[in-house]
Amino acid sequence: MNKDTSNMRYVAFFDMLGFKEATKRDIDEAWGALEDLRVSMEDSLNLFVKTPNQIIIKSNNDRIMATNFSDSVLIFTMENTVEDLHRILIAIAHFFAKSLHRCVPLRGGISYGAFKCNFEKNLFCGPTLIRAYELGQSAQWSGIIVDDEVAERYYKNPIKSFATSVIEQRIIPVKYECKIRKEKLWVFNWVLPHKANFKVDGPVSPQLYSAAFESLFKSSYENWPEYIQAIYDNTVEFINSVLGREDL
């Protein structure tokens, strides 16, 4: 008997860092961040990308779907082809970068597997959604964790306009059952496609990187709790390692 693959899809789940606290402090500022998040999501679904092998990839609503509720964003493919994997990764790369450009910090996960949806009834269900959510929530940084299945499928068919290392293994801090430990996991290297956007000479400091989010958090990095500082420390460590600026 052939295995039913009609509900096998690529699924990504994102949420905004610090949104709950931001909402308690200033609902208008939080609302503005939600509007920026929505714009970033919509922009990322309308991309035309021509790869070196002449494939035209359009990330739009006939192959990639997205929705959001409050500060959470769900992005998923309609099918499970190689082209669909490429589409969602390109859309995610732009979505993550556009959100940061609009001063909205995110974290998320990407997974592959069974996922059912009904947009008309606003119903979404599947272990793949749970997996993507759990991957993102466990990470103690502003970044994207990828499950093993997505990584394996990508390495069999990488996007030729990206470096193969756009999905790579990294040792990152994750939180399980209130305990933080470091694990070697697959991550989506969102920095790599956007290296040219980092104009600062030398290493990026946590203070410099987090300055973009001060209006949302109503305070500067120095006044944040240590556990929040650690999230941005980990993010900046990743950024500098990709830029090759750890020892500068």
C-alpha atoms as a PDB file:
ATOM      1  CA  MET A   1       0.000   0.000   0.000  1.00  0.00           C
ATOM      2  CA  ASN A   2       1.354   3.427  -0.946  1.00  0.00           C
ATOM      3  CA  LYS A   3       1.730   5.878   1.892  1.00  0.00           C
ATOM      4  CA  ASP A   4      -0.618   8.873   1.680  1.00  0.00           C
ATOM      5  CA  THR A   5       1.518  11.993   1.262  1.00  0.00           C
ATOM      6  CA  SER A   6      -1.300  14.452   0.552  1.00  0.00           C
ATOM      7  CA  ASN A   7      -0.963  16.059   3.983  1.00  0.00           C
ATOM      8  CA  MET A   8       2.836  16.056   4.145  1.00  0.00           C
ATOM      9  CA  ARG A   9       4.034  19.653   4.206  1.00  0.00           C
ATOM     10  CA  TYR A  10       6.771  22.023   5.351  1.00  0.00           C
ATOM     11  CA  VAL A  11       5.617  24.060   8.326  1.00  0.00           C
ATOM     12  CA  ALA A  12       7.212  27.018  10.092  1.00  0.00           C
ATOM     13  CA  PHE A  13       6.057  28.672  13.285  1.00  0.00           C
ATOM     14  CA  PHE A  14       7.307  32.005  14.658  1.00  0.00           C
ATOM     15  CA  ASP A  15       6.529  34.238  17.577  1.00  0.00           C
ATOM     16  CA  MET A  16       7.720  37.621  18.772  1.00  0.00           C
ATOM     17  CA  LEU A  17      10.187  37.812  21.631  1.00  0.00           C
ATOM     18  CA  GLY A  18       8.975  39.828  24.612  1.00  0.00           C
ATOM     19  CA  PHE A  19       5.515  40.516  23.223  1.00  0.00           C
ATOM     20  CA  LYS A  20       3.571  39.671  26.381  1.00  0.00           C
ATOM     21  CA  GLU A  21       5.596  42.065  28.498  1.00  0.00           C
ATOM     22  CA  ALA A  22       5.454  44.732  25.772  1.00  0.00           C
ATOM     23  CA  THR A  23       1.657  44.482  25.668  1.00  0.00           C
ATOM     24  CA  LYS A  24       1.402  44.978  29.433  1.00  0.00           C
ATOM     25  CA  ARG A  25       3.609  48.069  29.243  1.00  0.00           C
ATOM     26  CA  ASP A  26       2.210  49.825  26.180  1.00  0.00           C
ATOM     27  CA  ILE A  27      -0.614  48.368  24.107  1.00  0.00           C
ATOM     28  CA  ASP A  28      -0.179  50.959  21.358  1.00  0.00           C
ATOM     29  CA  GLU A  29       3.508  50.130  20.917  1.00  0.00           C
ATOM     30  CA  ALA A  30       2.687  46.415  20.917  1.00  0.00           C
ATOM     31  CA  TRP A  31      -0.051  46.962  18.360  1.00  0.00           C
ATOM     32  CA  GLY A  32       2.396  48.790  16.106  1.00  0.00           C
ATOM     33  CA  ALA A  33       4.768  45.825  16.327  1.00  0.00           C
ATOM     34  CA  LEU A  34       1.922  43.491  15.331  1.00  0.00           C
ATOM     35  CA  GLU A  35       1.164  45.637  12.301  1.00  0.00           C
ATOM     36  CA  ASP A  36       4.848  45.532  11.309  1.00  0.00           C
ATOM     37  CA  LEU A  37       4.861  41.769  11.780  1.00  0.00           C
ATOM     38  CA  ARG A  38       1.826  41.393   9.520  1.00  0.00           C
ATOM     39  CA  VAL A  39       3.367  43.577   6.806  1.00  0.00           C
ATOM     40  CA  SER A  40       6.578  41.543   6.947  1.00  0.00           C
ATOM     41  CA  MET A  41       4.597  38.336   6.546  1.00  0.00           C
ATOM     42  CA  GLU A  42       2.601  39.627   3.580  1.00  0.00           C
ATOM     43  CA  ASP A  43       5.668  41.053   1.837  1.00  0.00           C
ATOM     44  CA  SER A  44       7.453  37.718   2.124  1.00  0.00           C
ATOM     45  CA  LEU A  45       4.638  35.885   0.353  1.00  0.00           C
ATOM     46  CA  ASN A  46       5.013  37.945  -2.805  1.00  0.00           C
ATOM     47  CA  LEU A  47       8.587  37.332  -3.899  1.00  0.00           C
ATOM     48  CA  PHE A  48       9.956  36.492  -7.299  1.00  0.00           C
ATOM     49  CA  VAL A  49      13.377  34.875  -7.146  1.00  0.00           C
ATOM     50  CA  LYS A  50      15.323  33.672 -10.176  1.00  0.00           C
ATOM     51  CA  THR A  51      17.931  31.098  -9.217  1.00  0.00           C
ATOM     52  CA  PRO A  52      21.119  30.378 -11.241  1.00  0.00           C
ATOM     53  CA  ASN A  53      19.518  27.205 -12.639  1.00  0.00           C
ATOM     54  CA  GLN A  54      16.785  29.413 -14.125  1.00  0.00           C
ATOM     55  CA  ILE A  55      14.007  28.294 -11.821  1.00  0.00           C
ATOM     56  CA  ILE A  56      11.544  31.068 -11.125  1.00  0.00           C
ATOM     57  CA  ILE A  57      10.334  30.753  -7.565  1.00  0.00           C
ATOM     58  CA  LYS A  58       7.264  32.698  -6.604  1.00  0.00           C
ATOM     59  CA  SER A  59       6.348  32.601  -2.942  1.00  0.00           C
ATOM     60  CA  ASN A  60       2.672  33.425  -3.131  1.00  0.00           C
ATOM     61  CA  ASN A  61      -0.608  32.124  -1.851  1.00  0.00           C
ATOM     62  CA  ASP A  62      -1.028  29.409  -4.447  1.00  0.00           C
ATOM     63  CA  ARG A  63       1.931  27.422  -3.011  1.00  0.00           C
ATOM     64  CA  ILE A  64       2.773  29.082   0.314  1.00  0.00           C
ATOM     65  CA  MET A  65       0.151  29.971   2.892  1.00  0.00           C
ATOM     66  CA  ALA A  66       0.526  32.062   6.022  1.00  0.00           C
ATOM     67  CA  THR A  67      -1.630  33.323   8.830  1.00  0.00           C
ATOM     68  CA  ASN A  68      -1.095  34.988  12.162  1.00  0.00           C
ATOM     69  CA  PHE A  69      -2.811  35.208  15.501  1.00  0.00           C
ATOM     70  CA  SER A  70      -1.566  37.906  17.830  1.00  0.00           C
ATOM     71  CA  ASP A  71       2.252  37.660  17.767  1.00  0.00           C
ATOM     72  CA  SER A  72       2.384  34.135  16.271  1.00  0.00           C
ATOM     73  CA  VAL A  73       2.923  33.501  12.549  1.00  0.00           C
ATOM     74  CA  LEU A  74       2.286  30.193  10.804  1.00  0.00           C
ATOM     75  CA  ILE A  75       3.784  29.613   7.342  1.00  0.00           C
ATOM     76  CA  PHE A  76       3.347  26.349   5.444  1.00  0.00           C
ATOM     77  CA  THR A  77       3.501  24.817   1.986  1.00  0.00           C
ATOM     78  CA  MET A  78       0.552  23.410   0.084  1.00  0.00           C
ATOM     79  CA  GLU A  79       2.601  20.433  -1.117  1.00  0.00           C
ATOM     80  CA  ASN A  80       5.892  18.709  -0.313  1.00  0.00           C
ATOM     81  CA  THR A  81       7.978  19.072  -3.492  1.00  0.00           C
ATOM     82  CA  VAL A  82      11.567  20.300  -3.649  1.00  0.00           C
ATOM     83  CA  GLU A  83      10.277  23.556  -5.107  1.00  0.00           C
ATOM     84  CA  ASP A  84       7.957  23.970  -2.133  1.00  0.00           C
ATOM     85  CA  LEU A  85      10.875  23.520   0.258  1.00  0.00           C
ATOM     86  CA  HIS A  86      12.837  26.149  -1.666  1.00  0.00           C
ATOM     87  CA  ARG A  87       9.862  28.508  -1.685  1.00  0.00           C
ATOM     88  CA  ILE A  88       9.259  28.381   2.036  1.00  0.00           C
ATOM     89  CA  LEU A  89      12.960  28.811   2.885  1.00  0.00           C
ATOM     90  CA  ILE A  90      13.239  31.866   0.638  1.00  0.00           C
ATOM     91  CA  ALA A  91      10.043  33.309   2.101  1.00  0.00           C
ATOM     92  CA  ILE A  92      11.285  32.672   5.648  1.00  0.00           C
ATOM     93  CA  ALA A  93      14.672  34.271   4.964  1.00  0.00           C
ATOM     94  CA  HIS A  94      12.930  37.438   3.805  1.00  0.00           C
ATOM     95  CA  PHE A  95      10.285  37.328   6.529  1.00  0.00           C
ATOM     96  CA  PHE A  96      12.848  37.058   9.320  1.00  0.00           C
ATOM     97  CA  ALA A  97      15.033  39.820   7.892  1.00  0.00           C
ATOM     98  CA  LYS A  98      12.094  42.133   7.161  1.00  0.00           C
ATOM     99  CA  SER A  99      10.760  41.673  10.690  1.00  0.00           C
ATOM    100  CA  LEU A 100      14.133  42.552  12.207  1.00  0.00           C
ATOM    101  CA  HIS A 101      14.378  45.555   9.889  1.00  0.00           C
ATOM    102  CA  ARG A 102      11.051  46.698  11.343  1.00  0.00           C
ATOM    103  CA  CYS A 103      12.409  46.150  14.872  1.00  0.00           C
ATOM    104  CA  VAL A 104      10.382  43.017  15.571  1.00  0.00           C
ATOM    105  CA  PRO A 105      12.531  40.257  17.168  1.00  0.00           C
ATOM    106  CA  LEU A 106      11.485  36.684  16.348  1.00  0.00           C
ATOM    107  CA  ARG A 107      12.330  33.077  17.015  1.00  0.00           C
ATOM    108  CA  GLY A 108      10.939  30.039  15.254  1.00  0.00           C
ATOM    109  CA  GLY A 109      11.169  26.490  14.025  1.00  0.00           C
ATOM    110  CA  ILE A 110      10.753  24.664  10.708  1.00  0.00           C
ATOM    111  CA  SER A 111       9.501  21.093  10.476  1.00  0.00           C
ATOM    112  CA  TYR A 112       8.278  18.549   7.919  1.00  0.00           C
ATOM    113  CA  GLY A 113       5.488  16.030   8.206  1.00  0.00           C
ATOM    114  CA  ALA A 114       1.739  15.562   8.506  1.00  0.00           C
ATOM    115  CA  PHE A 115      -0.285  18.776   8.666  1.00  0.00           C
ATOM    116  CA  LYS A 116      -3.947  19.410   7.885  1.00  0.00           C
ATOM    117  CA  CYS A 117      -5.601  22.792   7.450  1.00  0.00           C
ATOM    118  CA  ASN A 118      -8.863  24.447   6.499  1.00  0.00           C
ATOM    119  CA  PHE A 119      -8.461  28.172   5.960  1.00  0.00           C
ATOM    120  CA  GLU A 120     -12.201  28.790   5.625  1.00  0.00           C
ATOM    121  CA  LYS A 121     -12.825  27.326   9.080  1.00  0.00           C
ATOM    122  CA  ASN A 122      -9.500  28.545  10.472  1.00  0.00           C
ATOM    123  CA  LEU A 123      -8.500  25.013  11.495  1.00  0.00           C
ATOM    124  CA  PHE A 124      -4.865  23.855  11.665  1.00  0.00           C
ATOM    125  CA  CYS A 125      -3.646  20.555  13.063  1.00  0.00           C
ATOM    126  CA  GLY A 126      -0.700  18.191  12.912  1.00  0.00           C
ATOM    127  CA  PRO A 127       2.344  16.875  14.763  1.00  0.00           C
ATOM    128  CA  THR A 128       4.485  18.940  12.391  1.00  0.00           C
ATOM    129  CA  LEU A 129       2.932  22.147  13.686  1.00  0.00           C
ATOM    130  CA  ILE A 130       3.605  21.062  17.258  1.00  0.00           C
ATOM    131  CA  ARG A 131       7.184  20.171  16.360  1.00  0.00           C
ATOM    132  CA  ALA A 132       7.830  23.549  14.689  1.00  0.00           C
ATOM    133  CA  TYR A 133       6.338  25.329  17.705  1.00  0.00           C
ATOM    134  CA  GLU A 134       8.407  23.355  20.206  1.00  0.00           C
ATOM    135  CA  LEU A 135      11.631  23.887  18.249  1.00  0.00           C
ATOM    136  CA  GLY A 136      11.137  27.633  18.238  1.00  0.00           C
ATOM    137  CA  GLN A 137      10.084  27.853  21.875  1.00  0.00           C
ATOM    138  CA  SER A 138      13.054  25.860  23.119  1.00  0.00           C
ATOM    139  CA  ALA A 139      15.670  28.122  21.532  1.00  0.00           C
ATOM    140  CA  GLN A 140      17.318  30.709  23.776  1.00  0.00           C
ATOM    141  CA  TRP A 141      18.058  33.152  20.961  1.00  0.00           C
ATOM    142  CA  SER A 142      16.454  35.090  18.144  1.00  0.00           C
ATOM    143  CA  GLY A 143      16.884  32.511  15.408  1.00  0.00           C
ATOM    144  CA  ILE A 144      15.403  29.512  13.592  1.00  0.00           C
ATOM    145  CA  ILE A 145      15.828  25.815  14.423  1.00  0.00           C
ATOM    146  CA  VAL A 146      15.271  23.210  11.707  1.00  0.00           C
ATOM    147  CA  ASP A 147      14.270  19.594  12.269  1.00  0.00           C
ATOM    148  CA  ASP A 148      16.356  16.703  10.928  1.00  0.00           C
ATOM    149  CA  GLU A 149      13.913  15.843   8.128  1.00  0.00           C
ATOM    150  CA  VAL A 150      13.993  19.364   6.665  1.00  0.00           C
ATOM    151  CA  ALA A 151      17.796  19.452   6.845  1.00  0.00           C
ATOM    152  CA  GLU A 152      18.110  16.073   5.132  1.00  0.00           C
ATOM    153  CA  ARG A 153      15.745  17.051   2.338  1.00  0.00           C
ATOM    154  CA  TYR A 154      17.488  20.374   1.827  1.00  0.00           C
ATOM    155  CA  TYR A 155      20.959  18.844   1.527  1.00  0.00           C
ATOM    156  CA  LYS A 156      19.705  16.511  -1.164  1.00  0.00           C
ATOM    157  CA  ASN A 157      18.422  19.517  -3.143  1.00  0.00           C
ATOM    158  CA  PRO A 158      20.011  22.802  -1.960  1.00  0.00           C
ATOM    159  CA  ILE A 159      19.022  26.159  -3.386  1.00  0.00           C
ATOM    160  CA  LYS A 160      21.828  27.009  -5.811  1.00  0.00           C
ATOM    161  CA  SER A 161      21.514  30.747  -5.205  1.00  0.00           C
ATOM    162  CA  PHE A 162      22.137  30.127  -1.494  1.00  0.00           C
ATOM    163  CA  ALA A 163      25.258  28.712   0.049  1.00  0.00           C
ATOM    164  CA  THR A 164      24.710  25.095   1.102  1.00  0.00           C
ATOM    165  CA  SER A 165      25.421  26.159   4.682  1.00  0.00           C
ATOM    166  CA  VAL A 166      22.201  28.170   4.827  1.00  0.00           C
ATOM    167  CA  ILE A 167      21.082  25.134   6.824  1.00  0.00           C
ATOM    168  CA  GLU A 168      23.838  23.981   9.133  1.00  0.00           C
ATOM    169  CA  GLN A 169      24.532  22.444  12.493  1.00  0.00           C
ATOM    170  CA  ARG A 170      25.303  24.739  15.400  1.00  0.00           C
ATOM    171  CA  ILE A 171      25.674  24.333  19.135  1.00  0.00           C
ATOM    172  CA  ILE A 172      22.999  26.541  20.635  1.00  0.00           C
ATOM    173  CA  PRO A 173      21.405  26.906  24.076  1.00  0.00           C
ATOM    174  CA  VAL A 174      17.943  25.393  24.383  1.00  0.00           C
ATOM    175  CA  LYS A 175      15.518  25.170  27.291  1.00  0.00           C
ATOM    176  CA  TYR A 176      13.721  21.987  28.280  1.00  0.00           C
ATOM    177  CA  GLU A 177      11.747  21.576  31.514  1.00  0.00           C
ATOM    178  CA  CYS A 178      13.113  24.826  32.939  1.00  0.00           C
ATOM    179  CA  LYS A 179      16.723  23.754  32.355  1.00  0.00           C
ATOM    180  CA  ILE A 180      19.034  25.329  29.773  1.00  0.00           C
ATOM    181  CA  ARG A 181      21.619  23.189  28.035  1.00  0.00           C
ATOM    182  CA  LYS A 182      23.615  23.401  24.828  1.00  0.00           C
ATOM    183  CA  GLU A 183      22.835  21.051  21.962  1.00  0.00           C
ATOM    184  CA  LYS A 184      24.078  20.555  18.425  1.00  0.00           C
ATOM    185  CA  LEU A 185      21.061  21.233  16.229  1.00  0.00           C
ATOM    186  CA  TRP A 186      20.228  22.121  12.658  1.00  0.00           C
ATOM    187  CA  VAL A 187      19.538  25.827  12.212  1.00  0.00           C
ATOM    188  CA  PHE A 188      18.521  28.089   9.361  1.00  0.00           C
ATOM    189  CA  ASN A 189      21.341  30.581   8.865  1.00  0.00           C
ATOM    190  CA  TRP A 190      19.271  33.718   8.320  1.00  0.00           C
ATOM    191  CA  VAL A 191      22.378  35.903   8.548  1.00  0.00           C
ATOM    192  CA  LEU A 192      24.089  34.372   5.511  1.00  0.00           C
ATOM    193  CA  PRO A 193      21.753  35.706   2.779  1.00  0.00           C
ATOM    194  CA  HIS A 194      21.858  39.154   4.401  1.00  0.00           C
ATOM    195  CA  LYS A 195      25.522  39.575   5.335  1.00  0.00           C
ATOM    196  CA  ALA A 196      25.779  42.744   3.254  1.00  0.00           C
ATOM    197  CA  ASN A 197      23.201  44.423   5.494  1.00  0.00           C
ATOM    198  CA  PHE A 198      25.535  44.375   8.495  1.00  0.00           C
ATOM    199  CA  LYS A 199      27.340  47.665   7.883  1.00  0.00           C
ATOM    200  CA  VAL A 200      29.059  47.980  11.265  1.00  0.00           C
ATOM    201  CA  ASP A 201      32.815  47.453  11.336  1.00  0.00           C
ATOM    202  CA  GLY A 202      33.970  44.903  13.863  1.00  0.00           C
ATOM    203  CA  PRO A 203      31.855  42.638  16.054  1.00  0.00           C
ATOM    204  CA  VAL A 204      28.187  43.393  16.599  1.00  0.00           C
ATOM    205  CA  SER A 205      27.625  44.044  20.305  1.00  0.00           C
ATOM    206  CA  PRO A 206      24.487  43.007  22.226  1.00  0.00           C
ATOM    207  CA  GLN A 207      23.908  46.675  23.057  1.00  0.00           C
ATOM    208  CA  LEU A 208      24.039  47.691  19.395  1.00  0.00           C
ATOM    209  CA  TYR A 209      21.872  44.840  18.166  1.00  0.00           C
ATOM    210  CA  SER A 210      19.235  45.256  20.871  1.00  0.00           C
ATOM    211  CA  ALA A 211      19.019  49.043  20.456  1.00  0.00           C
ATOM    212  CA  ALA A 212      16.449  48.522  17.677  1.00  0.00           C
ATOM    213  CA  PHE A 213      14.054  46.964  20.187  1.00  0.00           C
ATOM    214  CA  GLU A 214      14.329  49.537  22.969  1.00  0.00           C
ATOM    215  CA  SER A 215      11.134  51.344  21.959  1.00  0.00           C
ATOM    216  CA  LEU A 216       9.204  48.073  22.180  1.00  0.00           C
ATOM    217  CA  PHE A 217      10.723  47.086  25.519  1.00  0.00           C
ATOM    218  CA  LYS A 218      10.800  50.638  26.952  1.00  0.00           C
ATOM    219  CA  SER A 219      14.322  50.163  28.287  1.00  0.00           C
ATOM    220  CA  SER A 220      17.879  49.537  27.122  1.00  0.00           C
ATOM    221  CA  TYR A 221      19.850  46.286  27.167  1.00  0.00           C
ATOM    222  CA  GLU A 222      21.611  47.223  30.437  1.00  0.00           C
ATOM    223  CA  ASN A 223      18.267  47.305  32.258  1.00  0.00           C
ATOM    224  CA  TRP A 224      16.890  44.019  30.949  1.00  0.00           C
ATOM    225  CA  PRO A 225      16.741  40.919  33.187  1.00  0.00           C
ATOM    226  CA  GLU A 226      19.742  38.632  32.818  1.00  0.00           C
ATOM    227  CA  TYR A 227      17.750  35.858  31.148  1.00  0.00           C
ATOM    228  CA  ILE A 228      16.606  38.270  28.419  1.00  0.00           C
ATOM    229  CA  GLN A 229      20.122  39.664  27.996  1.00  0.00           C
ATOM    230  CA  ALA A 230      21.309  36.080  27.528  1.00  0.00           C
ATOM    231  CA  ILE A 231      18.931  35.595  24.594  1.00  0.00           C
ATOM    232  CA  TYR A 232      20.438  38.576  22.806  1.00  0.00           C
ATOM    233  CA  ASP A 233      23.970  37.608  23.810  1.00  0.00           C
ATOM    234  CA  ASN A 234      23.402  34.223  22.161  1.00  0.00           C
ATOM    235  CA  THR A 235      21.946  35.863  19.059  1.00  0.00           C
ATOM    236  CA  VAL A 236      24.873  38.229  18.674  1.00  0.00           C
ATOM    237  CA  GLU A 237      27.353  35.396  19.196  1.00  0.00           C
ATOM    238  CA  PHE A 238      25.752  33.585  16.260  1.00  0.00           C
ATOM    239  CA  ILE A 239      25.742  36.708  14.078  1.00  0.00           C
ATOM    240  CA  ASN A 240      29.431  37.427  14.711  1.00  0.00           C
ATOM    241  CA  SER A 241      30.418  33.818  14.048  1.00  0.00           C
ATOM    242  CA  VAL A 242      28.683  33.932  10.646  1.00  0.00           C
ATOM    243  CA  LEU A 243      30.276  37.294   9.839  1.00  0.00           C
ATOM    244  CA  GLY A 244      33.695  36.032  10.953  1.00  0.00           C
ATOM    245  CA  ARG A 245      34.036  38.800  13.522  1.00  0.00           C
ATOM    246  CA  GLU A 246      34.434  36.853  16.763  1.00  0.00           C
ATOM    247  CA  ASP A 247      38.081  37.836  17.234  1.00  0.00           C
ATOM    248  CA  LEU A 248      38.049  41.342  15.832  1.00  0.00           C
END
